Amino acid sequence: MKLDGVVILNLEGLKQHFDLSQLWVCMDNGTLQSFEHSLPAGQFLVQAVRETLAEMDGGRTPDFVRAGCLDLQRLRARLEGTDSSFRAYTRQVQTGQDFFDRSWDQVVELAAPLCAGCTDGQAWRFYLSILLQVQARPKLPLRPQDLEFLARQLHTQPAASGQGADSPPSARLVLCEDTLFCATEQGIFCLQGDETAWRQVREGPVAGYAYTRPLGLLAISAQGELDHPAPPALLRQAEGKTLTAVTAFGEQYVLLTEQGQLLSNLRLPDGLDWPGLRRIHLGLNSLTGIAGPLRGVVQYGADPKLTNFTGVRTVDTRTDGARHFAVLREGGELYLDSRPDAPVPGVQAACLGPDGAYFAADGGLFWCGWDGAQQVLRALPPAFCALEVRATDQGYACLGRQDGQEVLYVSGREQPLSSPPGGRTTT
């Protein structure tokens, strides 16, 4: 195997000439496999890399992929299980930090799009890249050039401003009282009450949408324009602007422009500036967003300590006397105000309802009240991978993938519903 034109004979050579962009090619041409088989089997991670290459060649689905989505909790568990001395071997004496202390937040950030959907090949390459980094440079951080290369390969390169291509996808589910909305590539569909057939209420893909009884359906076209009809105040504010997101709660709304400007009927502070804003969410008396390349939380009217979180997938808040929140990080850790010192692991999707947090994790859909009391709402199949959860005082809805299809589990219905036309399928 050659890196930088130098024949690599041992791990010291790999460390000196480490370059993920060149190793990426070596994964395909067989030279990486030959190199690893030339090393003593007992050397750190040699066996793990060999096994990974064999599983890739054999076309096996990674054990850290579920229903076409990367599961970061399982990936981390596999890393920790590669060698009993993994943590000790990667610990840097001067700082006391091991690989997870030093680099896990960067791994979580890079993996964001794979957690929404990936191929087996993408997942294997991502995992193998981490293995090679740890094998060659166990006590060193990921280099900026390697991070940038992986970001390009996984389509996660941060945008300079506004909502870029790597932003978390807009919410597809809206639940308002007993009416459920779901957006697909073909449009927006709804079910009301006990209806069983989806009814289309808007044609064509949307960049984002929201619905409340006072405001009606607020939809942004793929070109960034606010649909007519809409309340006159919104249409005036949106005129001439390219919009990327909309969120609403009751009579209140917030629009996000391509330049990162917030348009709202809320009395937001003058000069409120959230650079690099990627996603916005309006909860009861509170506004939050996910911003910047580290996917940090920004907030107004919510708990100030939310701004300590990075690597965030979704955030939901309610401020009504107490400041309630549910922060789901890309690694699957769910942080709730009712459990400040004990995040819930392995969570796939979460939201706040009027009576507590609702979340989907391995094996089921759960509810956690404001006092921390927890209850299983329903069992979910092992093959189900949740994408979104929504809840009101009249029930809940959970969208996910199962057996290659998108389905919804809805309160009061024994059997799952198929998603409306245009929902994603996987093979």
Protein backbone atom coordinates (compact mmCIF):
# COMPACT_ATOMS: atom_id res chain seq x y z
CA MET A 1 0.00 0.00 0.00
CA LYS A 2 1.31 3.45 -0.94
CA LEU A 3 0.46 6.78 0.69
CA ASP A 4 2.11 9.99 -0.52
CA GLY A 5 4.15 7.77 -2.87
CA VAL A 6 5.68 5.91 0.09
CA VAL A 7 5.25 2.16 0.59
CA ILE A 8 3.62 1.65 4.01
CA LEU A 9 5.04 -1.35 5.86
CA ASN A 10 3.82 -0.87 9.44
CA LEU A 11 1.53 1.20 11.69
CA GLU A 12 4.22 3.80 12.29
CA GLY A 13 4.36 4.43 8.54
CA LEU A 14 0.57 4.61 8.44
CA LYS A 15 0.64 7.22 11.21
CA GLN A 16 3.28 9.35 9.47
CA HIS A 17 1.52 9.37 6.10
CA PHE A 18 -2.11 9.07 7.26
CA ASP A 19 -4.53 10.54 4.71
CA LEU A 20 -8.16 9.45 4.57
CA SER A 21 -8.60 10.63 0.98
CA GLN A 22 -5.86 8.20 -0.14
CA LEU A 23 -7.00 5.42 2.20
CA TRP A 24 -10.50 5.75 0.73
CA VAL A 25 -9.10 4.58 -2.61
CA CYS A 26 -7.14 1.78 -0.94
CA MET A 27 -10.41 0.39 0.46
CA ASP A 28 -11.45 -0.43 -3.11
CA ASN A 29 -8.25 -1.57 -4.83
CA GLY A 30 -7.32 -4.28 -2.31
CA THR A 31 -4.12 -2.64 -1.07
CA LEU A 32 -5.56 -1.80 2.34
CA GLN A 33 -6.63 -5.41 2.80
CA SER A 34 -3.14 -6.64 1.80
CA PHE A 35 -1.52 -4.19 4.21
CA GLU A 36 -3.69 -5.24 7.15
CA HIS A 37 -3.01 -8.92 6.49
CA SER A 38 0.73 -8.21 6.50
CA LEU A 39 0.54 -6.92 10.09
CA PRO A 40 0.73 -9.18 13.18
CA ALA A 41 -2.80 -10.24 14.07
CA GLY A 42 -2.30 -9.25 17.70
CA GLN A 43 -1.58 -5.60 16.97
CA PHE A 44 -4.18 -3.06 18.08
CA LEU A 45 -7.35 -3.19 15.90
CA VAL A 46 -5.75 -5.27 13.14
CA GLN A 47 -8.28 -8.04 13.58
CA ALA A 48 -11.17 -5.54 13.73
CA VAL A 49 -10.10 -3.90 10.46
CA ARG A 50 -9.68 -7.30 8.76
CA GLU A 51 -13.16 -8.40 9.87
CA THR A 52 -14.70 -5.14 8.70
CA LEU A 53 -13.11 -5.44 5.26
CA ALA A 54 -14.34 -9.04 5.01
CA GLU A 55 -17.89 -8.03 5.94
CA MET A 56 -17.80 -5.23 3.36
CA ASP A 57 -16.59 -7.62 0.65
CA GLY A 58 -19.24 -10.15 1.66
CA GLY A 59 -22.05 -7.63 1.22
CA ARG A 60 -23.23 -7.92 4.82
CA THR A 61 -25.44 -5.25 6.36
CA PRO A 62 -23.64 -3.59 9.29
CA ASP A 63 -25.01 -4.44 12.73
CA PHE A 64 -25.14 -0.68 13.40
CA VAL A 65 -27.61 -0.02 10.56
CA ARG A 66 -31.34 -0.36 11.23
CA ALA A 67 -34.00 0.03 8.55
CA GLY A 68 -31.60 1.92 6.30
CA CYS A 69 -30.45 4.33 9.03
CA LEU A 70 -27.13 4.52 10.88
CA ASP A 71 -27.57 3.79 14.61
CA LEU A 72 -24.83 5.70 16.43
CA GLN A 73 -25.38 3.96 19.75
CA ARG A 74 -24.73 0.59 18.11
CA LEU A 75 -21.75 1.95 16.17
CA ARG A 76 -20.23 3.23 19.41
CA ALA A 77 -20.86 -0.09 21.14
CA ARG A 78 -19.15 -1.92 18.27
CA LEU A 79 -16.13 0.39 18.52
CA GLU A 80 -15.85 -0.15 22.27
CA GLY A 81 -16.14 -3.91 21.74
CA THR A 82 -13.32 -4.14 19.19
CA ASP A 83 -10.63 -4.36 21.89
CA SER A 84 -10.81 -4.52 25.68
CA SER A 85 -8.09 -1.86 25.85
CA PHE A 86 -9.82 0.54 23.41
CA ARG A 87 -10.31 3.33 25.93
CA ALA A 88 -6.95 2.86 27.66
CA TYR A 89 -5.05 2.64 24.36
CA THR A 90 -6.65 5.84 23.02
CA ARG A 91 -6.22 7.84 26.24
CA GLN A 92 -3.85 10.80 26.01
CA VAL A 93 -1.87 11.06 29.29
CA GLN A 94 -1.50 14.86 29.28
CA THR A 95 -5.21 15.58 28.79
CA GLY A 96 -6.72 12.40 30.21
CA GLN A 97 -9.04 12.23 27.17
CA ASP A 98 -9.76 9.04 25.27
CA PHE A 99 -11.16 8.78 21.72
CA PHE A 100 -14.75 9.37 22.81
CA ASP A 101 -13.88 12.39 24.95
CA ARG A 102 -11.79 13.84 22.15
CA SER A 103 -13.59 13.07 18.90
CA TRP A 104 -17.07 11.63 19.44
CA ASP A 105 -18.88 14.96 18.97
CA GLN A 106 -17.18 15.30 15.58
CA VAL A 107 -18.23 11.76 14.66
CA VAL A 108 -21.82 12.55 15.66
CA GLU A 109 -21.82 15.69 13.51
CA LEU A 110 -20.41 13.92 10.47
CA ALA A 111 -22.88 11.04 10.80
CA ALA A 112 -26.00 13.24 10.83
CA PRO A 113 -27.17 12.51 7.26
CA LEU A 114 -26.45 8.78 7.62
CA CYS A 115 -28.74 8.69 10.66
CA ALA A 116 -31.58 9.81 8.37
CA GLY A 117 -30.76 7.25 5.69
CA CYS A 118 -27.72 5.49 4.27
CA THR A 119 -26.55 2.54 2.21
CA ASP A 120 -24.60 -0.34 3.71
CA GLY A 121 -21.54 0.84 1.78
CA GLN A 122 -21.71 4.35 3.21
CA ALA A 123 -22.05 2.99 6.73
CA TRP A 124 -19.16 0.56 6.34
CA ARG A 125 -16.83 3.21 4.90
CA PHE A 126 -17.67 5.64 7.67
CA TYR A 127 -17.01 3.03 10.35
CA LEU A 128 -13.80 1.85 8.66
CA SER A 129 -12.54 5.45 8.45
CA ILE A 130 -12.94 5.78 12.22
CA LEU A 131 -11.23 2.43 12.80
CA LEU A 132 -8.25 3.44 10.66
CA GLN A 133 -7.95 6.80 12.45
CA VAL A 134 -7.86 5.05 15.82
CA GLN A 135 -5.53 2.30 14.62
CA ALA A 136 -2.93 4.71 13.21
CA ARG A 137 -3.41 7.74 15.46
CA PRO A 138 -5.01 6.40 18.67
CA LYS A 139 -4.08 9.35 20.88
CA LEU A 140 -4.50 12.15 18.33
CA PRO A 141 -7.56 14.13 17.22
CA LEU A 142 -9.10 13.91 13.78
CA ARG A 143 -7.27 16.26 11.41
CA PRO A 144 -9.24 19.11 9.78
CA GLN A 145 -8.39 17.86 6.27
CA ASP A 146 -9.68 14.38 7.11
CA LEU A 147 -12.87 15.83 8.61
CA GLU A 148 -13.41 17.93 5.49
CA PHE A 149 -12.83 14.94 3.22
CA LEU A 150 -15.33 12.79 5.13
CA ALA A 151 -17.82 15.66 5.14
CA ARG A 152 -17.60 15.89 1.34
CA GLN A 153 -17.98 12.14 0.94
CA LEU A 154 -21.01 12.04 3.25
CA HIS A 155 -22.52 15.29 1.91
CA THR A 156 -22.26 17.07 5.26
CA GLN A 157 -20.11 20.08 4.28
CA PRO A 158 -21.36 23.05 6.39
CA ALA A 159 -22.95 25.92 4.50
CA ALA A 160 -21.48 29.37 4.97
CA SER A 161 -24.75 30.83 6.20
CA GLY A 162 -28.44 30.14 6.27
CA GLN A 163 -29.90 26.70 5.83
CA GLY A 164 -27.53 24.61 3.71
CA ALA A 165 -27.83 21.28 2.01
CA ASP A 166 -26.58 19.53 5.14
CA SER A 167 -29.36 20.92 7.32
CA PRO A 168 -31.61 18.57 9.24
CA PRO A 169 -34.66 17.85 7.09
CA SER A 170 -37.84 19.81 7.76
CA ALA A 171 -40.46 18.11 9.88
CA ARG A 172 -42.83 15.98 7.83
CA LEU A 173 -45.47 15.27 10.48
CA VAL A 174 -47.87 17.77 12.00
CA LEU A 175 -50.52 16.68 14.52
CA CYS A 176 -53.20 19.22 15.44
CA GLU A 177 -55.90 17.90 17.78
CA ASP A 178 -57.29 14.89 15.86
CA THR A 179 -55.94 15.89 12.43
CA LEU A 180 -52.68 14.36 11.19
CA PHE A 181 -50.67 15.84 8.32
CA CYS A 182 -47.80 14.15 6.51
CA ALA A 183 -45.61 15.64 3.78
CA THR A 184 -44.08 13.55 0.98
CA GLU A 185 -42.46 14.32 -2.36
CA GLN A 186 -45.93 14.37 -3.93
CA GLY A 187 -47.47 16.89 -1.54
CA ILE A 188 -49.15 17.29 1.85
CA PHE A 189 -51.78 14.77 2.94
CA CYS A 190 -54.05 14.57 5.97
CA LEU A 191 -56.23 12.21 7.99
CA GLN A 192 -58.93 13.48 10.32
CA GLY A 193 -60.49 11.55 13.18
CA ASP A 194 -61.11 7.93 12.19
CA GLU A 195 -60.48 8.41 8.46
CA THR A 196 -58.49 5.62 6.83
CA ALA A 197 -57.75 7.14 3.40
CA TRP A 198 -55.22 9.94 3.04
CA ARG A 199 -56.64 13.15 1.60
CA GLN A 200 -54.30 15.41 -0.39
CA VAL A 201 -54.48 19.07 0.68
CA ARG A 202 -51.53 20.40 -1.35
CA GLU A 203 -49.78 19.13 -4.46
CA GLY A 204 -46.03 19.05 -4.98
CA PRO A 205 -42.97 18.99 -2.70
CA VAL A 206 -42.52 21.61 0.02
CA ALA A 207 -39.44 23.11 1.66
CA GLY A 208 -41.37 23.24 4.93
CA TYR A 209 -44.87 23.62 6.33
CA ALA A 210 -46.87 24.12 9.52
CA TYR A 211 -50.51 24.00 10.55
CA THR A 212 -52.55 25.47 13.39
CA ARG A 213 -56.31 26.06 13.62
CA PRO A 214 -56.01 29.88 13.78
CA LEU A 215 -53.46 30.18 10.95
CA GLY A 216 -54.43 27.29 8.71
CA LEU A 217 -51.91 25.53 6.45
CA LEU A 218 -48.66 27.47 5.95
CA ALA A 219 -46.59 25.87 3.20
CA ILE A 220 -43.35 26.95 1.56
CA SER A 221 -42.84 25.81 -2.02
CA ALA A 222 -39.67 24.15 -3.21
CA GLN A 223 -38.76 27.57 -4.68
CA GLY A 224 -39.01 29.24 -1.26
CA GLU A 225 -42.34 31.03 -1.73
CA LEU A 226 -45.18 31.11 0.79
CA ASP A 227 -48.36 29.55 -0.57
CA HIS A 228 -51.54 31.54 -1.07
CA PRO A 229 -53.90 31.76 0.69
CA ALA A 230 -52.22 32.69 3.99
CA PRO A 231 -52.93 35.36 6.60
CA PRO A 232 -52.27 38.82 5.09
CA ALA A 233 -49.61 39.68 7.69
CA LEU A 234 -47.55 36.62 6.71
CA LEU A 235 -47.89 37.34 3.01
CA ARG A 236 -46.71 40.92 3.53
CA GLN A 237 -43.69 39.83 5.56
CA ALA A 238 -42.78 37.07 3.10
CA GLU A 239 -43.16 39.19 -0.05
CA GLY A 240 -39.94 39.24 -2.05
CA LYS A 241 -38.17 36.87 0.36
CA THR A 242 -36.87 33.37 -0.31
CA LEU A 243 -38.00 31.22 2.62
CA THR A 244 -36.43 28.01 3.89
CA ALA A 245 -38.54 27.10 6.95
CA VAL A 246 -41.74 27.87 8.82
CA THR A 247 -42.90 26.96 12.31
CA ALA A 248 -46.12 27.84 14.15
CA PHE A 249 -47.85 27.37 17.49
CA GLY A 250 -51.41 28.62 18.01
CA GLU A 251 -51.61 32.12 16.56
CA GLN A 252 -47.83 32.64 16.50
CA TYR A 253 -45.52 31.93 13.58
CA VAL A 254 -41.87 32.31 12.57
CA LEU A 255 -40.51 32.25 9.02
CA LEU A 256 -36.82 31.76 8.20
CA THR A 257 -35.37 33.38 5.08
CA GLU A 258 -32.49 32.15 2.96
CA GLN A 259 -30.34 34.90 4.49
CA GLY A 260 -31.10 33.67 8.03
CA GLN A 261 -33.61 36.44 8.87
CA LEU A 262 -36.50 35.66 11.22
CA LEU A 263 -39.93 36.98 10.22
CA SER A 264 -42.57 36.66 12.92
CA ASN A 265 -45.53 38.13 14.79
CA LEU A 266 -43.58 37.45 18.01
CA ARG A 267 -41.94 40.36 19.76
CA LEU A 268 -38.41 39.16 19.24
CA PRO A 269 -35.55 41.25 20.69
CA ASP A 270 -34.00 43.81 18.38
CA GLY A 271 -30.81 42.49 16.85
CA LEU A 272 -31.60 38.84 17.60
CA ASP A 273 -28.97 37.15 15.45
CA TRP A 274 -28.55 33.39 15.08
CA PRO A 275 -25.90 32.96 12.35
CA GLY A 276 -25.89 29.69 10.45
CA LEU A 277 -29.44 28.84 11.54
CA ARG A 278 -30.46 25.46 10.15
CA ARG A 279 -33.81 24.62 11.70
CA ILE A 280 -36.39 26.47 13.81
CA HIS A 281 -39.08 25.21 16.14
CA LEU A 282 -41.77 27.21 17.92
CA GLY A 283 -43.03 25.65 21.13
CA LEU A 284 -45.35 27.00 23.79
CA ASN A 285 -43.97 30.49 24.64
CA SER A 286 -40.52 29.53 23.33
CA LEU A 287 -38.49 29.50 20.14
CA THR A 288 -35.46 27.30 19.45
CA GLY A 289 -33.19 26.56 16.54
CA ILE A 290 -30.25 24.42 15.50
CA ALA A 291 -27.36 26.51 14.26
CA GLY A 292 -23.78 26.36 13.03
CA PRO A 293 -21.51 23.52 11.92
CA LEU A 294 -21.63 22.00 15.42
CA ARG A 295 -25.44 21.90 15.35
CA GLY A 296 -25.77 23.83 18.59
CA VAL A 297 -29.06 24.96 20.16
CA VAL A 298 -30.11 28.60 20.19
CA GLN A 299 -33.17 29.67 22.15
CA TYR A 300 -35.52 32.49 23.11
CA GLY A 301 -37.95 32.06 26.01
CA ALA A 302 -36.69 28.55 26.83
CA ASP A 303 -34.14 27.19 29.31
CA PRO A 304 -30.80 29.05 28.87
CA LYS A 305 -28.78 25.88 29.46
CA LEU A 306 -30.05 24.53 26.13
CA THR A 307 -27.25 26.51 24.48
CA ASN A 308 -24.74 24.07 26.03
CA PHE A 309 -25.88 21.31 23.66
CA THR A 310 -24.16 20.54 20.34
CA GLY A 311 -24.59 17.70 17.83
CA VAL A 312 -28.37 18.09 18.12
CA ARG A 313 -30.86 16.35 15.85
CA THR A 314 -34.09 17.91 17.20
CA VAL A 315 -35.11 20.18 20.08
CA ASP A 316 -38.61 20.80 21.44
CA THR A 317 -39.63 23.20 24.23
CA ARG A 318 -42.65 24.33 26.28
CA THR A 319 -42.54 27.28 28.66
CA ASP A 320 -45.58 27.52 30.92
CA GLY A 321 -44.40 28.33 34.43
CA ALA A 322 -41.76 25.59 34.16
CA ARG A 323 -39.34 25.48 31.23
CA HIS A 324 -39.66 22.02 29.71
CA PHE A 325 -37.40 20.70 26.96
CA ALA A 326 -36.51 17.58 24.97
CA VAL A 327 -33.13 17.61 23.22
CA LEU A 328 -32.27 14.64 21.01
CA ARG A 329 -28.59 14.42 20.03
CA GLU A 330 -27.36 12.61 16.95
CA GLY A 331 -25.90 9.88 19.13
CA GLY A 332 -29.41 8.94 20.30
CA GLU A 333 -29.16 10.52 23.78
CA LEU A 334 -32.41 12.21 24.82
CA TYR A 335 -32.07 14.96 27.44
CA LEU A 336 -35.23 15.93 29.33
CA ASP A 337 -35.76 18.59 31.98
CA SER A 338 -37.52 15.90 34.05
CA ARG A 339 -34.33 13.75 34.00
CA PRO A 340 -31.49 16.31 34.05
CA ASP A 341 -28.77 13.88 35.11
CA ALA A 342 -29.90 10.74 33.28
CA PRO A 343 -30.28 11.07 29.49
CA VAL A 344 -32.31 8.31 27.85
CA PRO A 345 -30.04 6.28 25.48
CA GLY A 346 -30.90 4.75 22.12
CA VAL A 347 -33.69 7.18 21.20
CA GLN A 348 -34.62 7.54 17.53
CA ALA A 349 -37.20 10.34 17.64
CA ALA A 350 -38.79 12.52 20.32
CA CYS A 351 -41.14 15.43 20.98
CA LEU A 352 -43.00 17.18 23.79
CA GLY A 353 -46.72 16.88 24.28
CA PRO A 354 -48.89 18.86 26.69
CA ASP A 355 -48.32 16.27 29.45
CA GLY A 356 -44.68 15.23 28.96
CA ALA A 357 -42.17 13.81 26.49
CA TYR A 358 -42.95 11.17 23.86
CA PHE A 359 -40.11 9.19 22.33
CA ALA A 360 -39.40 6.11 20.23
CA ALA A 361 -36.51 3.87 21.31
CA ASP A 362 -35.58 0.23 20.88
CA GLY A 363 -38.71 -1.86 21.19
CA GLY A 364 -41.33 0.76 21.83
CA LEU A 365 -42.93 4.16 22.01
CA PHE A 366 -42.64 5.73 25.47
CA TRP A 367 -44.07 8.61 27.48
CA CYS A 368 -42.21 10.40 30.28
CA GLY A 369 -44.19 12.82 32.44
CA TRP A 370 -42.99 16.11 33.88
CA ASP A 371 -42.21 14.31 37.15
CA GLY A 372 -40.02 11.71 35.40
CA ALA A 373 -42.58 8.89 35.57
CA GLN A 374 -42.29 6.68 32.48
CA GLN A 375 -44.79 4.49 30.65
CA VAL A 376 -44.73 2.26 27.56
CA LEU A 377 -47.41 3.41 25.13
CA ARG A 378 -47.03 0.56 22.66
CA ALA A 379 -44.51 -2.03 21.56
CA LEU A 380 -42.82 -1.45 18.20
CA PRO A 381 -41.31 -4.14 15.95
CA PRO A 382 -37.52 -4.59 16.21
CA ALA A 383 -37.17 -3.70 12.52
CA PHE A 384 -38.94 -0.35 12.97
CA CYS A 385 -36.74 2.77 12.72
CA ALA A 386 -38.57 5.89 13.95
CA LEU A 387 -38.12 9.16 12.06
CA GLU A 388 -40.54 11.54 13.80
CA VAL A 389 -42.94 11.60 16.75
CA ARG A 390 -45.77 14.09 17.37
CA ALA A 391 -48.21 14.33 20.29
CA THR A 392 -51.21 16.38 21.40
CA ASP A 393 -53.69 15.98 24.25
CA GLN A 394 -55.73 13.80 21.88
CA GLY A 395 -53.02 11.29 20.94
CA TYR A 396 -49.72 10.65 19.21
CA ALA A 397 -48.31 9.69 15.81
CA CYS A 398 -44.96 8.11 14.96
CA LEU A 399 -43.51 7.96 11.44
CA GLY A 400 -40.80 5.44 10.62
CA ARG A 401 -39.42 2.81 8.27
CA GLN A 402 -40.29 -0.87 8.49
CA ASP A 403 -39.56 -3.65 5.99
CA GLY A 404 -38.42 -1.14 3.38
CA GLN A 405 -41.58 0.99 3.63
CA GLU A 406 -42.64 4.09 5.56
CA VAL A 407 -45.41 3.45 8.07
CA LEU A 408 -47.11 5.36 10.88
CA TYR A 409 -48.19 4.15 14.29
CA VAL A 410 -51.08 6.28 15.53
CA SER A 411 -52.86 6.22 18.89
CA GLY A 412 -56.22 4.48 18.78
CA ARG A 413 -55.30 2.38 15.74
CA GLU A 414 -54.19 -1.20 16.24
CA GLN A 415 -52.44 -1.61 12.91
CA PRO A 416 -49.82 0.72 11.36
CA LEU A 417 -50.84 3.00 8.52
CA SER A 418 -48.99 3.20 5.22
CA SER A 419 -47.54 6.62 4.59
CA PRO A 420 -49.28 8.68 1.89
CA PRO A 421 -48.15 8.51 -1.76
CA GLY A 422 -44.60 9.69 -2.31
CA GLY A 423 -43.24 8.37 0.99
CA ARG A 424 -39.76 6.90 0.83
CA THR A 425 -39.07 3.23 0.28
CA THR A 426 -35.77 1.42 0.79
CA THR A 427 -34.41 -1.82 -0.61
